[in-house]
């Protein structure tokens, strides 16, 4: 299924001998992604099917945070960011960076959380005891948003905490050393945090509170406008890989994904089990990009404004969502 779909995408590129395809042949595309973040599209990355389908060389650059992805796109070094956390995207757009969401990369309520050191013996029943403690949080990321919402839920004033801006891997290290009382993060960093403590809320409990956790594929609006065909073909390859994983999550495919993610197979298996990859049809529905995503972005932005993390939010975020390339990908 994956091979047939990818061949169809590649064939559609080859048939277009003039216009966008001719331009594509002279371009190179640089894509940002995360290590220790296993996704089906990494199998397509490994096979070179993005290069084939797009008719150009695709360069892949790994990042530690979504905020770093925003900076790279602002500098013109990256044209597409895969699995950028929604909060760092919202922070960038709220500050005036002209980025747009082109798809929902992954939903993962159980793969982004805050972990409290085991020796403190603090859980949801006595979470108020975290007031005055020290925490490691990657600021401006999905983990930061989740941290703010959880602290609000438990009635813990953020100003009472000593908040250290640290990426998840570093946060896991200082948590294990006892240098902080709790830490928030995602991916491999979160997995290591759990070796030193326990989560306050499960993914289902967070979702019940309206704390959604999902990443997007994003790109500068100017790049999308000039190269919408490139973005569409990229999304079509990603969707085909997701469909292949949903239909047949084989050990062979997992091994390739793990290799590309820089993980051992069992760690990748555990991480990807917490992830959901919406179909194009689902993404285009009102539950996601059709309506709710822009509304949710506004809510995220307002939380950051209230916490003093950003100066102001936009009136609305509808212009930050561009479903054109995804609709085109659906027809490929």
C-alpha atoms as a PDB file:
ATOM      1  CA  UNK A   1       0.000   0.000   0.000  1.00  0.00           C
ATOM      2  CA  UNK A   2       2.740   2.434   0.982  1.00  0.00           C
ATOM      3  CA  UNK A   3       4.836   1.574  -2.076  1.00  0.00           C
ATOM      4  CA  UNK A   4       1.891   1.945  -4.472  1.00  0.00           C
ATOM      5  CA  UNK A   5       0.871   5.292  -3.006  1.00  0.00           C
ATOM      6  CA  UNK A   6       4.403   6.652  -3.055  1.00  0.00           C
ATOM      7  CA  UNK A   7       4.873   5.498  -6.653  1.00  0.00           C
ATOM      8  CA  UNK A   8       1.675   7.299  -7.598  1.00  0.00           C
ATOM      9  CA  UNK A   9       2.896  10.518  -5.974  1.00  0.00           C
ATOM     10  CA  UNK A  10       6.247  10.211  -7.725  1.00  0.00           C
ATOM     11  CA  UNK A  11       4.561   9.493 -11.058  1.00  0.00           C
ATOM     12  CA  UNK A  12       2.415  12.604 -10.761  1.00  0.00           C
ATOM     13  CA  UNK A  13       5.610  14.619 -10.385  1.00  0.00           C
ATOM     14  CA  UNK A  14       7.276  12.984 -13.383  1.00  0.00           C
ATOM     15  CA  UNK A  15       4.285  13.654 -15.631  1.00  0.00           C
ATOM     16  CA  UNK A  16       4.487  17.409 -14.988  1.00  0.00           C
ATOM     17  CA  UNK A  17       7.359  18.353 -17.286  1.00  0.00           C
ATOM     18  CA  UNK A  18       6.807  22.093 -17.004  1.00  0.00           C
ATOM     19  CA  UNK A  19       5.866  24.593 -14.307  1.00  0.00           C
ATOM     20  CA  UNK A  20       6.221  23.679 -10.603  1.00  0.00           C
ATOM     21  CA  UNK A  21       7.821  20.288 -11.278  1.00  0.00           C
ATOM     22  CA  UNK A  22      10.537  21.851 -13.411  1.00  0.00           C
ATOM     23  CA  UNK A  23      11.211  24.349 -10.642  1.00  0.00           C
ATOM     24  CA  UNK A  24      11.261  21.534  -8.081  1.00  0.00           C
ATOM     25  CA  UNK A  25      14.042  19.761  -9.943  1.00  0.00           C
ATOM     26  CA  UNK A  26      16.358  22.713  -9.275  1.00  0.00           C
ATOM     27  CA  UNK A  27      15.473  22.985  -5.586  1.00  0.00           C
ATOM     28  CA  UNK A  28      16.558  21.303  -2.418  1.00  0.00           C
ATOM     29  CA  UNK A  29      14.260  21.000   0.558  1.00  0.00           C
ATOM     30  CA  UNK A  30      15.423  21.096   4.176  1.00  0.00           C
ATOM     31  CA  UNK A  31      13.119  19.484   6.713  1.00  0.00           C
ATOM     32  CA  UNK A  32      13.342  19.731  10.497  1.00  0.00           C
ATOM     33  CA  UNK A  33      12.445  16.760  12.698  1.00  0.00           C
ATOM     34  CA  UNK A  34      13.076  15.280  16.157  1.00  0.00           C
ATOM     35  CA  UNK A  35      15.290  12.388  17.147  1.00  0.00           C
ATOM     36  CA  UNK A  36      13.878   9.995  19.756  1.00  0.00           C
ATOM     37  CA  UNK A  37      10.450  10.703  18.275  1.00  0.00           C
ATOM     38  CA  UNK A  38       9.462   7.627  16.234  1.00  0.00           C
ATOM     39  CA  UNK A  39       6.983   8.325  13.441  1.00  0.00           C
ATOM     40  CA  UNK A  40       5.922   6.249  10.411  1.00  0.00           C
ATOM     41  CA  UNK A  41       7.209   8.897   8.012  1.00  0.00           C
ATOM     42  CA  UNK A  42      10.739   7.985   9.081  1.00  0.00           C
ATOM     43  CA  UNK A  43      10.388   4.765   7.095  1.00  0.00           C
ATOM     44  CA  UNK A  44       9.764   6.866   3.993  1.00  0.00           C
ATOM     45  CA  UNK A  45      12.710   9.087   4.944  1.00  0.00           C
ATOM     46  CA  UNK A  46      14.937   6.030   5.162  1.00  0.00           C
ATOM     47  CA  UNK A  47      13.778   4.704   1.782  1.00  0.00           C
ATOM     48  CA  UNK A  48      14.361   8.024   0.021  1.00  0.00           C
ATOM     49  CA  UNK A  49      10.738   8.182  -1.085  1.00  0.00           C
ATOM     50  CA  UNK A  50      10.398  11.867  -0.256  1.00  0.00           C
ATOM     51  CA  UNK A  51      13.243  12.640  -2.666  1.00  0.00           C
ATOM     52  CA  UNK A  52      11.641  10.458  -5.333  1.00  0.00           C
ATOM     53  CA  UNK A  53       8.143  11.860  -4.961  1.00  0.00           C
ATOM     54  CA  UNK A  54       9.255  15.494  -4.813  1.00  0.00           C
ATOM     55  CA  UNK A  55      11.878  15.165  -7.530  1.00  0.00           C
ATOM     56  CA  UNK A  56      14.507  16.880  -5.393  1.00  0.00           C
ATOM     57  CA  UNK A  57      17.052  16.243  -2.672  1.00  0.00           C
ATOM     58  CA  UNK A  58      15.533  16.393   0.808  1.00  0.00           C
ATOM     59  CA  UNK A  59      17.926  17.314   3.602  1.00  0.00           C
ATOM     60  CA  UNK A  60      16.948  16.366   7.165  1.00  0.00           C
ATOM     61  CA  UNK A  61      18.048  18.349  10.228  1.00  0.00           C
ATOM     62  CA  UNK A  62      17.233  17.261  13.793  1.00  0.00           C
ATOM     63  CA  UNK A  63      16.186  19.676  16.550  1.00  0.00           C
ATOM     64  CA  UNK A  64      15.718  19.490  20.318  1.00  0.00           C
ATOM     65  CA  UNK A  65      12.723  21.859  20.570  1.00  0.00           C
ATOM     66  CA  UNK A  66       9.964  23.346  18.457  1.00  0.00           C
ATOM     67  CA  UNK A  67      11.185  26.826  19.313  1.00  0.00           C
ATOM     68  CA  UNK A  68      14.479  26.026  17.592  1.00  0.00           C
ATOM     69  CA  UNK A  69      12.484  24.909  14.554  1.00  0.00           C
ATOM     70  CA  UNK A  70      10.745  28.299  14.452  1.00  0.00           C
ATOM     71  CA  UNK A  71      14.098  30.081  14.556  1.00  0.00           C
ATOM     72  CA  UNK A  72      15.446  27.920  11.727  1.00  0.00           C
ATOM     73  CA  UNK A  73      12.416  28.672   9.547  1.00  0.00           C
ATOM     74  CA  UNK A  74      12.715  32.380  10.331  1.00  0.00           C
ATOM     75  CA  UNK A  75      16.348  32.260   9.200  1.00  0.00           C
ATOM     76  CA  UNK A  76      15.393  30.486   5.978  1.00  0.00           C
ATOM     77  CA  UNK A  77      17.412  27.404   6.897  1.00  0.00           C
ATOM     78  CA  UNK A  78      14.391  25.068   7.067  1.00  0.00           C
ATOM     79  CA  UNK A  79      11.352  25.026   4.794  1.00  0.00           C
ATOM     80  CA  UNK A  80       9.201  22.409   6.533  1.00  0.00           C
ATOM     81  CA  UNK A  81       9.139  21.410  10.214  1.00  0.00           C
ATOM     82  CA  UNK A  82       7.679  17.996  11.013  1.00  0.00           C
ATOM     83  CA  UNK A  83       6.033  17.448  14.384  1.00  0.00           C
ATOM     84  CA  UNK A  84       6.553  20.973  15.676  1.00  0.00           C
ATOM     85  CA  UNK A  85       4.700  21.293  18.967  1.00  0.00           C
ATOM     86  CA  UNK A  86       1.584  23.440  18.683  1.00  0.00           C
ATOM     87  CA  UNK A  87       2.599  25.763  21.559  1.00  0.00           C
ATOM     88  CA  UNK A  88       5.966  26.783  20.012  1.00  0.00           C
ATOM     89  CA  UNK A  89       4.148  27.294  16.719  1.00  0.00           C
ATOM     90  CA  UNK A  90       1.603  29.526  18.468  1.00  0.00           C
ATOM     91  CA  UNK A  91       4.365  31.477  20.225  1.00  0.00           C
ATOM     92  CA  UNK A  92       6.087  32.146  16.890  1.00  0.00           C
ATOM     93  CA  UNK A  93       2.899  33.179  15.089  1.00  0.00           C
ATOM     94  CA  UNK A  94       1.819  35.378  18.002  1.00  0.00           C
ATOM     95  CA  UNK A  95       5.122  37.234  17.764  1.00  0.00           C
ATOM     96  CA  UNK A  96       4.580  37.945  14.082  1.00  0.00           C
ATOM     97  CA  UNK A  97       6.381  35.057  12.354  1.00  0.00           C
ATOM     98  CA  UNK A  98       4.483  34.175   9.193  1.00  0.00           C
ATOM     99  CA  UNK A  99       4.085  30.399   9.645  1.00  0.00           C
ATOM    100  CA  UNK A 100       1.182  28.145   8.760  1.00  0.00           C
ATOM    101  CA  UNK A 101       0.045  24.702   9.878  1.00  0.00           C
ATOM    102  CA  UNK A 102      -0.323  22.304   6.950  1.00  0.00           C
ATOM    103  CA  UNK A 103      -1.179  19.086   8.782  1.00  0.00           C
ATOM    104  CA  UNK A 104      -1.608  17.413  12.167  1.00  0.00           C
ATOM    105  CA  UNK A 105       1.540  15.332  12.542  1.00  0.00           C
ATOM    106  CA  UNK A 106       0.688  13.388  15.694  1.00  0.00           C
ATOM    107  CA  UNK A 107      -1.460  13.428  18.836  1.00  0.00           C
ATOM    108  CA  UNK A 108       0.212  12.174  22.005  1.00  0.00           C
ATOM    109  CA  UNK A 109      -1.354  12.981  25.351  1.00  0.00           C
ATOM    110  CA  UNK A 110       0.642  10.227  27.064  1.00  0.00           C
ATOM    111  CA  UNK A 111       3.972  11.207  25.522  1.00  0.00           C
ATOM    112  CA  UNK A 112       4.198  14.698  26.979  1.00  0.00           C
ATOM    113  CA  UNK A 113       4.004  15.185  30.724  1.00  0.00           C
ATOM    114  CA  UNK A 114       5.441  16.379  34.008  1.00  0.00           C
ATOM    115  CA  UNK A 115       7.230  13.935  36.309  1.00  0.00           C
ATOM    116  CA  UNK A 116       7.749  14.413  40.059  1.00  0.00           C
ATOM    117  CA  UNK A 117      10.780  12.928  41.837  1.00  0.00           C
ATOM    118  CA  UNK A 118       9.887   9.640  43.516  1.00  0.00           C
ATOM    119  CA  UNK A 119      11.327  10.593  46.911  1.00  0.00           C
ATOM    120  CA  UNK A 120       8.867  13.512  47.258  1.00  0.00           C
ATOM    121  CA  UNK A 121       5.913  11.096  47.289  1.00  0.00           C
ATOM    122  CA  UNK A 122       3.726  13.686  45.561  1.00  0.00           C
ATOM    123  CA  UNK A 123       0.873  12.689  43.241  1.00  0.00           C
ATOM    124  CA  UNK A 124      -2.453  14.176  42.133  1.00  0.00           C
ATOM    125  CA  UNK A 125      -3.874  13.836  45.667  1.00  0.00           C
ATOM    126  CA  UNK A 126      -1.273  16.139  47.253  1.00  0.00           C
ATOM    127  CA  UNK A 127       0.044  18.063  44.229  1.00  0.00           C
ATOM    128  CA  UNK A 128      -0.332  21.355  46.123  1.00  0.00           C
ATOM    129  CA  UNK A 129       2.912  20.428  47.916  1.00  0.00           C
ATOM    130  CA  UNK A 130       4.778  21.286  44.700  1.00  0.00           C
ATOM    131  CA  UNK A 131       4.401  25.001  45.516  1.00  0.00           C
ATOM    132  CA  UNK A 132       7.842  26.497  46.083  1.00  0.00           C
ATOM    133  CA  UNK A 133       9.631  23.640  44.314  1.00  0.00           C
ATOM    134  CA  UNK A 134      12.134  23.713  41.443  1.00  0.00           C
ATOM    135  CA  UNK A 135      11.113  22.474  37.981  1.00  0.00           C
ATOM    136  CA  UNK A 136      12.815  21.989  34.595  1.00  0.00           C
ATOM    137  CA  UNK A 137      10.602  22.935  31.629  1.00  0.00           C
ATOM    138  CA  UNK A 138      11.427  23.530  27.925  1.00  0.00           C
ATOM    139  CA  UNK A 139       9.836  26.987  27.670  1.00  0.00           C
ATOM    140  CA  UNK A 140       7.593  27.796  24.722  1.00  0.00           C
ATOM    141  CA  UNK A 141       6.931  24.122  23.929  1.00  0.00           C
ATOM    142  CA  UNK A 142       3.976  21.749  24.244  1.00  0.00           C
ATOM    143  CA  UNK A 143       5.449  20.611  27.562  1.00  0.00           C
ATOM    144  CA  UNK A 144       5.444  24.226  28.794  1.00  0.00           C
ATOM    145  CA  UNK A 145       1.772  24.613  27.887  1.00  0.00           C
ATOM    146  CA  UNK A 146       0.897  21.346  29.609  1.00  0.00           C
ATOM    147  CA  UNK A 147       2.881  22.413  32.673  1.00  0.00           C
ATOM    148  CA  UNK A 148       0.983  25.722  32.912  1.00  0.00           C
ATOM    149  CA  UNK A 149      -2.396  24.011  32.540  1.00  0.00           C
ATOM    150  CA  UNK A 150      -1.554  21.354  35.143  1.00  0.00           C
ATOM    151  CA  UNK A 151      -0.309  23.923  37.632  1.00  0.00           C
ATOM    152  CA  UNK A 152      -3.512  25.909  37.115  1.00  0.00           C
ATOM    153  CA  UNK A 153      -5.592  22.763  37.614  1.00  0.00           C
ATOM    154  CA  UNK A 154      -3.843  21.956  40.905  1.00  0.00           C
ATOM    155  CA  UNK A 155      -3.943  25.579  42.081  1.00  0.00           C
ATOM    156  CA  UNK A 156      -0.155  25.978  42.200  1.00  0.00           C
ATOM    157  CA  UNK A 157       1.033  29.560  41.523  1.00  0.00           C
ATOM    158  CA  UNK A 158       3.721  29.407  38.845  1.00  0.00           C
ATOM    159  CA  UNK A 159       5.412  32.410  40.455  1.00  0.00           C
ATOM    160  CA  UNK A 160       5.997  30.279  43.561  1.00  0.00           C
ATOM    161  CA  UNK A 161       8.152  27.892  41.519  1.00  0.00           C
ATOM    162  CA  UNK A 162      11.746  28.155  40.363  1.00  0.00           C
ATOM    163  CA  UNK A 163      11.397  27.405  36.652  1.00  0.00           C
ATOM    164  CA  UNK A 164      14.513  26.382  34.722  1.00  0.00           C
ATOM    165  CA  UNK A 165      14.376  26.456  30.912  1.00  0.00           C
ATOM    166  CA  UNK A 166      15.796  23.053  29.898  1.00  0.00           C
ATOM    167  CA  UNK A 167      15.241  20.666  26.984  1.00  0.00           C
ATOM    168  CA  UNK A 168      13.692  17.305  27.986  1.00  0.00           C
ATOM    169  CA  UNK A 169      16.940  15.322  27.915  1.00  0.00           C
ATOM    170  CA  UNK A 170      18.662  17.849  30.177  1.00  0.00           C
ATOM    171  CA  UNK A 171      15.573  17.997  32.394  1.00  0.00           C
ATOM    172  CA  UNK A 172      15.691  14.224  32.831  1.00  0.00           C
ATOM    173  CA  UNK A 173      19.351  14.413  33.804  1.00  0.00           C
ATOM    174  CA  UNK A 174      18.874  17.047  36.526  1.00  0.00           C
ATOM    175  CA  UNK A 175      15.800  15.220  37.832  1.00  0.00           C
ATOM    176  CA  UNK A 176      17.816  12.020  38.209  1.00  0.00           C
ATOM    177  CA  UNK A 177      20.526  13.987  40.024  1.00  0.00           C
ATOM    178  CA  UNK A 178      18.042  15.510  42.451  1.00  0.00           C
ATOM    179  CA  UNK A 179      18.840  19.031  41.224  1.00  0.00           C
ATOM    180  CA  UNK A 180      15.130  19.715  40.526  1.00  0.00           C
ATOM    181  CA  UNK A 181      11.961  18.445  42.176  1.00  0.00           C
ATOM    182  CA  UNK A 182      10.065  17.778  38.972  1.00  0.00           C
ATOM    183  CA  UNK A 183      10.540  18.102  35.233  1.00  0.00           C
ATOM    184  CA  UNK A 184       8.349  18.310  32.150  1.00  0.00           C
ATOM    185  CA  UNK A 185       9.102  16.995  28.692  1.00  0.00           C
ATOM    186  CA  UNK A 186       8.353  14.552  25.895  1.00  0.00           C
ATOM    187  CA  UNK A 187       9.818  11.708  23.874  1.00  0.00           C
ATOM    188  CA  UNK A 188      13.029  10.075  25.037  1.00  0.00           C
ATOM    189  CA  UNK A 189      13.533  12.755  27.670  1.00  0.00           C
ATOM    190  CA  UNK A 190      10.160  11.954  29.235  1.00  0.00           C
ATOM    191  CA  UNK A 191      10.939   8.235  29.199  1.00  0.00           C
ATOM    192  CA  UNK A 192      14.112   8.906  31.192  1.00  0.00           C
ATOM    193  CA  UNK A 193      12.254  11.231  33.570  1.00  0.00           C
ATOM    194  CA  UNK A 194       9.891   8.394  34.429  1.00  0.00           C
ATOM    195  CA  UNK A 195      12.870   6.373  35.667  1.00  0.00           C
ATOM    196  CA  UNK A 196      13.212   8.975  38.451  1.00  0.00           C
ATOM    197  CA  UNK A 197       9.598   9.740  39.288  1.00  0.00           C
ATOM    198  CA  UNK A 198       5.893   9.592  38.538  1.00  0.00           C
ATOM    199  CA  UNK A 199       3.427  11.594  36.454  1.00  0.00           C
ATOM    200  CA  UNK A 200       0.715  13.679  38.096  1.00  0.00           C
ATOM    201  CA  UNK A 201      -1.961  13.034  35.459  1.00  0.00           C
ATOM    202  CA  UNK A 202      -2.382  10.383  32.770  1.00  0.00           C
ATOM    203  CA  UNK A 203      -2.986  11.296  29.150  1.00  0.00           C
ATOM    204  CA  UNK A 204      -6.704  10.475  29.448  1.00  0.00           C
ATOM    205  CA  UNK A 205      -6.970  12.598  32.593  1.00  0.00           C
ATOM    206  CA  UNK A 206      -5.316  15.527  30.805  1.00  0.00           C
ATOM    207  CA  UNK A 207      -7.616  15.198  27.788  1.00  0.00           C
ATOM    208  CA  UNK A 208     -10.637  15.205  30.125  1.00  0.00           C
ATOM    209  CA  UNK A 209      -9.417  18.592  31.364  1.00  0.00           C
ATOM    210  CA  UNK A 210      -9.076  19.857  27.783  1.00  0.00           C
ATOM    211  CA  UNK A 211      -5.271  19.641  27.815  1.00  0.00           C
ATOM    212  CA  UNK A 212      -4.723  18.376  24.271  1.00  0.00           C
ATOM    213  CA  UNK A 213      -1.229  17.557  23.092  1.00  0.00           C
ATOM    214  CA  UNK A 214      -0.519  17.436  19.381  1.00  0.00           C
ATOM    215  CA  UNK A 215       2.181  18.442  16.929  1.00  0.00           C
ATOM    216  CA  UNK A 216       1.824  19.967  13.501  1.00  0.00           C
ATOM    217  CA  UNK A 217       3.715  20.105  10.268  1.00  0.00           C
ATOM    218  CA  UNK A 218       4.463  23.757   9.636  1.00  0.00           C
ATOM    219  CA  UNK A 219       6.083  25.900   6.984  1.00  0.00           C
ATOM    220  CA  UNK A 220       6.625  29.596   6.215  1.00  0.00           C
ATOM    221  CA  UNK A 221       3.549  30.993   4.464  1.00  0.00           C
ATOM    222  CA  UNK A 222       5.741  32.440   1.720  1.00  0.00           C
ATOM    223  CA  UNK A 223       7.228  29.021   0.951  1.00  0.00           C
ATOM    224  CA  UNK A 224       3.789  27.400   0.824  1.00  0.00           C
ATOM    225  CA  UNK A 225       2.536  30.098  -1.548  1.00  0.00           C
ATOM    226  CA  UNK A 226       5.465  29.616  -3.928  1.00  0.00           C
ATOM    227  CA  UNK A 227       5.804  25.824  -3.655  1.00  0.00           C
ATOM    228  CA  UNK A 228       2.398  24.459  -2.678  1.00  0.00           C
ATOM    229  CA  UNK A 229       2.946  21.441  -4.960  1.00  0.00           C
ATOM    230  CA  UNK A 230       6.111  20.527  -3.050  1.00  0.00           C
ATOM    231  CA  UNK A 231       4.298  20.773   0.292  1.00  0.00           C
ATOM    232  CA  UNK A 232       1.360  18.729  -1.017  1.00  0.00           C
ATOM    233  CA  UNK A 233       3.581  15.910  -2.283  1.00  0.00           C
ATOM    234  CA  UNK A 234       5.486  15.913   1.011  1.00  0.00           C
ATOM    235  CA  UNK A 235       2.215  15.534   2.926  1.00  0.00           C
ATOM    236  CA  UNK A 236       1.038  12.771   0.580  1.00  0.00           C
ATOM    237  CA  UNK A 237       4.165  10.727   1.303  1.00  0.00           C
ATOM    238  CA  UNK A 238       3.697  11.246   5.037  1.00  0.00           C
ATOM    239  CA  UNK A 239       0.032  10.203   4.851  1.00  0.00           C
ATOM    240  CA  UNK A 240       0.967   7.059   2.906  1.00  0.00           C
ATOM    241  CA  UNK A 241       3.519   6.102   5.555  1.00  0.00           C
ATOM    242  CA  UNK A 242       0.952   6.682   8.317  1.00  0.00           C
ATOM    243  CA  UNK A 243      -1.574   4.539   6.446  1.00  0.00           C
ATOM    244  CA  UNK A 244       0.953   1.742   6.016  1.00  0.00           C
ATOM    245  CA  UNK A 245       1.752   1.774   9.742  1.00  0.00           C
ATOM    246  CA  UNK A 246      -1.945   1.767  10.660  1.00  0.00           C
ATOM    247  CA  UNK A 247      -2.600  -1.190   8.352  1.00  0.00           C
ATOM    248  CA  UNK A 248       0.505  -3.198   9.200  1.00  0.00           C
ATOM    249  CA  UNK A 249       2.650  -2.056  12.163  1.00  0.00           C
ATOM    250  CA  UNK A 250       5.295  -4.657  11.406  1.00  0.00           C
ATOM    251  CA  UNK A 251       8.494  -5.278  13.306  1.00  0.00           C
ATOM    252  CA  UNK A 252      10.429  -4.654  10.082  1.00  0.00           C
ATOM    253  CA  UNK A 253       8.936  -1.173   9.669  1.00  0.00           C
ATOM    254  CA  UNK A 254       9.406  -0.448  13.360  1.00  0.00           C
ATOM    255  CA  UNK A 255      13.082  -1.378  13.134  1.00  0.00           C
ATOM    256  CA  UNK A 256      13.617   1.184  10.367  1.00  0.00           C
ATOM    257  CA  UNK A 257      11.674   3.850  12.279  1.00  0.00           C
ATOM    258  CA  UNK A 258      13.721   3.169  15.405  1.00  0.00           C
ATOM    259  CA  UNK A 259      16.974   3.406  13.464  1.00  0.00           C
ATOM    260  CA  UNK A 260      16.010   6.762  11.967  1.00  0.00           C
ATOM    261  CA  UNK A 261      14.851   8.039  15.373  1.00  0.00           C
ATOM    262  CA  UNK A 262      18.126   7.045  17.013  1.00  0.00           C
ATOM    263  CA  UNK A 263      16.401   4.608  19.375  1.00  0.00           C
ATOM    264  CA  UNK A 264      16.474   0.924  20.206  1.00  0.00           C
ATOM    265  CA  UNK A 265      13.488  -1.014  18.900  1.00  0.00           C
ATOM    266  CA  UNK A 266      11.773  -1.584  22.243  1.00  0.00           C
ATOM    267  CA  UNK A 267      12.023   2.091  23.234  1.00  0.00           C
ATOM    268  CA  UNK A 268      10.571   3.057  19.878  1.00  0.00           C
ATOM    269  CA  UNK A 269       7.788   0.478  20.273  1.00  0.00           C
ATOM    270  CA  UNK A 270       6.884   1.896  23.683  1.00  0.00           C
ATOM    271  CA  UNK A 271       6.908   5.509  22.443  1.00  0.00           C
ATOM    272  CA  UNK A 272       4.961   5.000  19.224  1.00  0.00           C
ATOM    273  CA  UNK A 273       2.295   3.086  21.158  1.00  0.00           C
ATOM    274  CA  UNK A 274       1.356   6.402  22.816  1.00  0.00           C
ATOM    275  CA  UNK A 275       1.013   8.204  19.467  1.00  0.00           C
ATOM    276  CA  UNK A 276      -1.956   8.663  17.139  1.00  0.00           C
ATOM    277  CA  UNK A 277      -1.570   9.698  13.497  1.00  0.00           C
ATOM    278  CA  UNK A 278      -4.837  11.163  12.144  1.00  0.00           C
ATOM    279  CA  UNK A 279      -5.778  10.402   8.535  1.00  0.00           C
ATOM    280  CA  UNK A 280      -6.066  13.232   6.015  1.00  0.00           C
ATOM    281  CA  UNK A 281      -9.851  12.918   6.208  1.00  0.00           C
ATOM    282  CA  UNK A 282      -9.774  13.273   9.990  1.00  0.00           C
ATOM    283  CA  UNK A 283      -7.358  16.188   9.832  1.00  0.00           C
ATOM    284  CA  UNK A 284      -9.610  18.112   7.457  1.00  0.00           C
ATOM    285  CA  UNK A 285     -12.652  17.613   9.701  1.00  0.00           C
ATOM    286  CA  UNK A 286     -13.932  20.251  12.116  1.00  0.00           C
ATOM    287  CA  UNK A 287     -12.372  18.292  14.994  1.00  0.00           C
ATOM    288  CA  UNK A 288      -8.937  19.259  13.694  1.00  0.00           C
ATOM    289  CA  UNK A 289      -7.899  21.716  10.980  1.00  0.00           C
ATOM    290  CA  UNK A 290     -11.420  22.333   9.722  1.00  0.00           C
ATOM    291  CA  UNK A 291     -12.311  24.378  12.783  1.00  0.00           C
ATOM    292  CA  UNK A 292     -11.019  23.324  16.209  1.00  0.00           C
ATOM    293  CA  UNK A 293      -7.283  23.786  15.634  1.00  0.00           C
ATOM    294  CA  UNK A 294      -7.502  27.562  15.187  1.00  0.00           C
ATOM    295  CA  UNK A 295      -9.793  27.848  18.213  1.00  0.00           C
ATOM    296  CA  UNK A 296      -7.428  25.738  20.301  1.00  0.00           C
ATOM    297  CA  UNK A 297      -4.461  27.885  19.195  1.00  0.00           C
ATOM    298  CA  UNK A 298      -6.231  30.956  20.542  1.00  0.00           C
ATOM    299  CA  UNK A 299      -6.721  29.186  23.866  1.00  0.00           C
ATOM    300  CA  UNK A 300      -3.042  28.204  24.014  1.00  0.00           C
ATOM    301  CA  UNK A 301      -1.969  31.759  23.210  1.00  0.00           C
ATOM    302  CA  UNK A 302      -4.206  33.231  25.898  1.00  0.00           C
ATOM    303  CA  UNK A 303      -2.757  30.834  28.491  1.00  0.00           C
ATOM    304  CA  UNK A 304       0.741  32.027  27.559  1.00  0.00           C
ATOM    305  CA  UNK A 305      -0.360  35.668  27.762  1.00  0.00           C
ATOM    306  CA  UNK A 306      -1.901  35.121  31.190  1.00  0.00           C
ATOM    307  CA  UNK A 307       1.301  33.467  32.413  1.00  0.00           C
ATOM    308  CA  UNK A 308       3.433  36.328  31.100  1.00  0.00           C
ATOM    309  CA  UNK A 309       5.234  34.064  28.622  1.00  0.00           C
ATOM    310  CA  UNK A 310       4.230  36.168  25.599  1.00  0.00           C
ATOM    311  CA  UNK A 311       3.094  39.773  25.364  1.00  0.00           C
ATOM    312  CA  UNK A 312      -0.090  39.335  23.366  1.00  0.00           C
ATOM    313  CA  UNK A 313      -2.154  36.899  21.333  1.00  0.00           C
ATOM    314  CA  UNK A 314      -3.737  37.395  17.917  1.00  0.00           C
ATOM    315  CA  UNK A 315      -7.461  38.101  17.600  1.00  0.00           C
ATOM    316  CA  UNK A 316      -7.790  34.717  15.893  1.00  0.00           C
ATOM    317  CA  UNK A 317      -5.531  32.080  14.366  1.00  0.00           C
ATOM    318  CA  UNK A 318      -7.541  31.096  11.295  1.00  0.00           C
ATOM    319  CA  UNK A 319      -4.857  32.574   9.033  1.00  0.00           C
ATOM    320  CA  UNK A 320      -2.286  30.299  10.660  1.00  0.00           C
ATOM    321  CA  UNK A 321      -3.985  27.211   9.202  1.00  0.00           C
ATOM    322  CA  UNK A 322      -3.635  26.395   5.490  1.00  0.00           C
ATOM    323  CA  UNK A 323      -5.530  23.266   4.415  1.00  0.00           C
ATOM    324  CA  UNK A 324      -4.871  23.791   0.697  1.00  0.00           C
ATOM    325  CA  UNK A 325      -1.798  21.533   0.438  1.00  0.00           C
ATOM    326  CA  UNK A 326      -3.455  18.770   2.499  1.00  0.00           C
ATOM    327  CA  UNK A 327      -6.572  18.836   0.318  1.00  0.00           C
ATOM    328  CA  UNK A 328      -4.339  18.524  -2.738  1.00  0.00           C
ATOM    329  CA  UNK A 329      -2.478  15.650  -1.099  1.00  0.00           C
ATOM    330  CA  UNK A 330      -5.773  13.844  -0.543  1.00  0.00           C
ATOM    331  CA  UNK A 331      -6.341  13.787  -4.306  1.00  0.00           C
ATOM    332  CA  UNK A 332      -2.907  12.268  -5.080  1.00  0.00           C
END
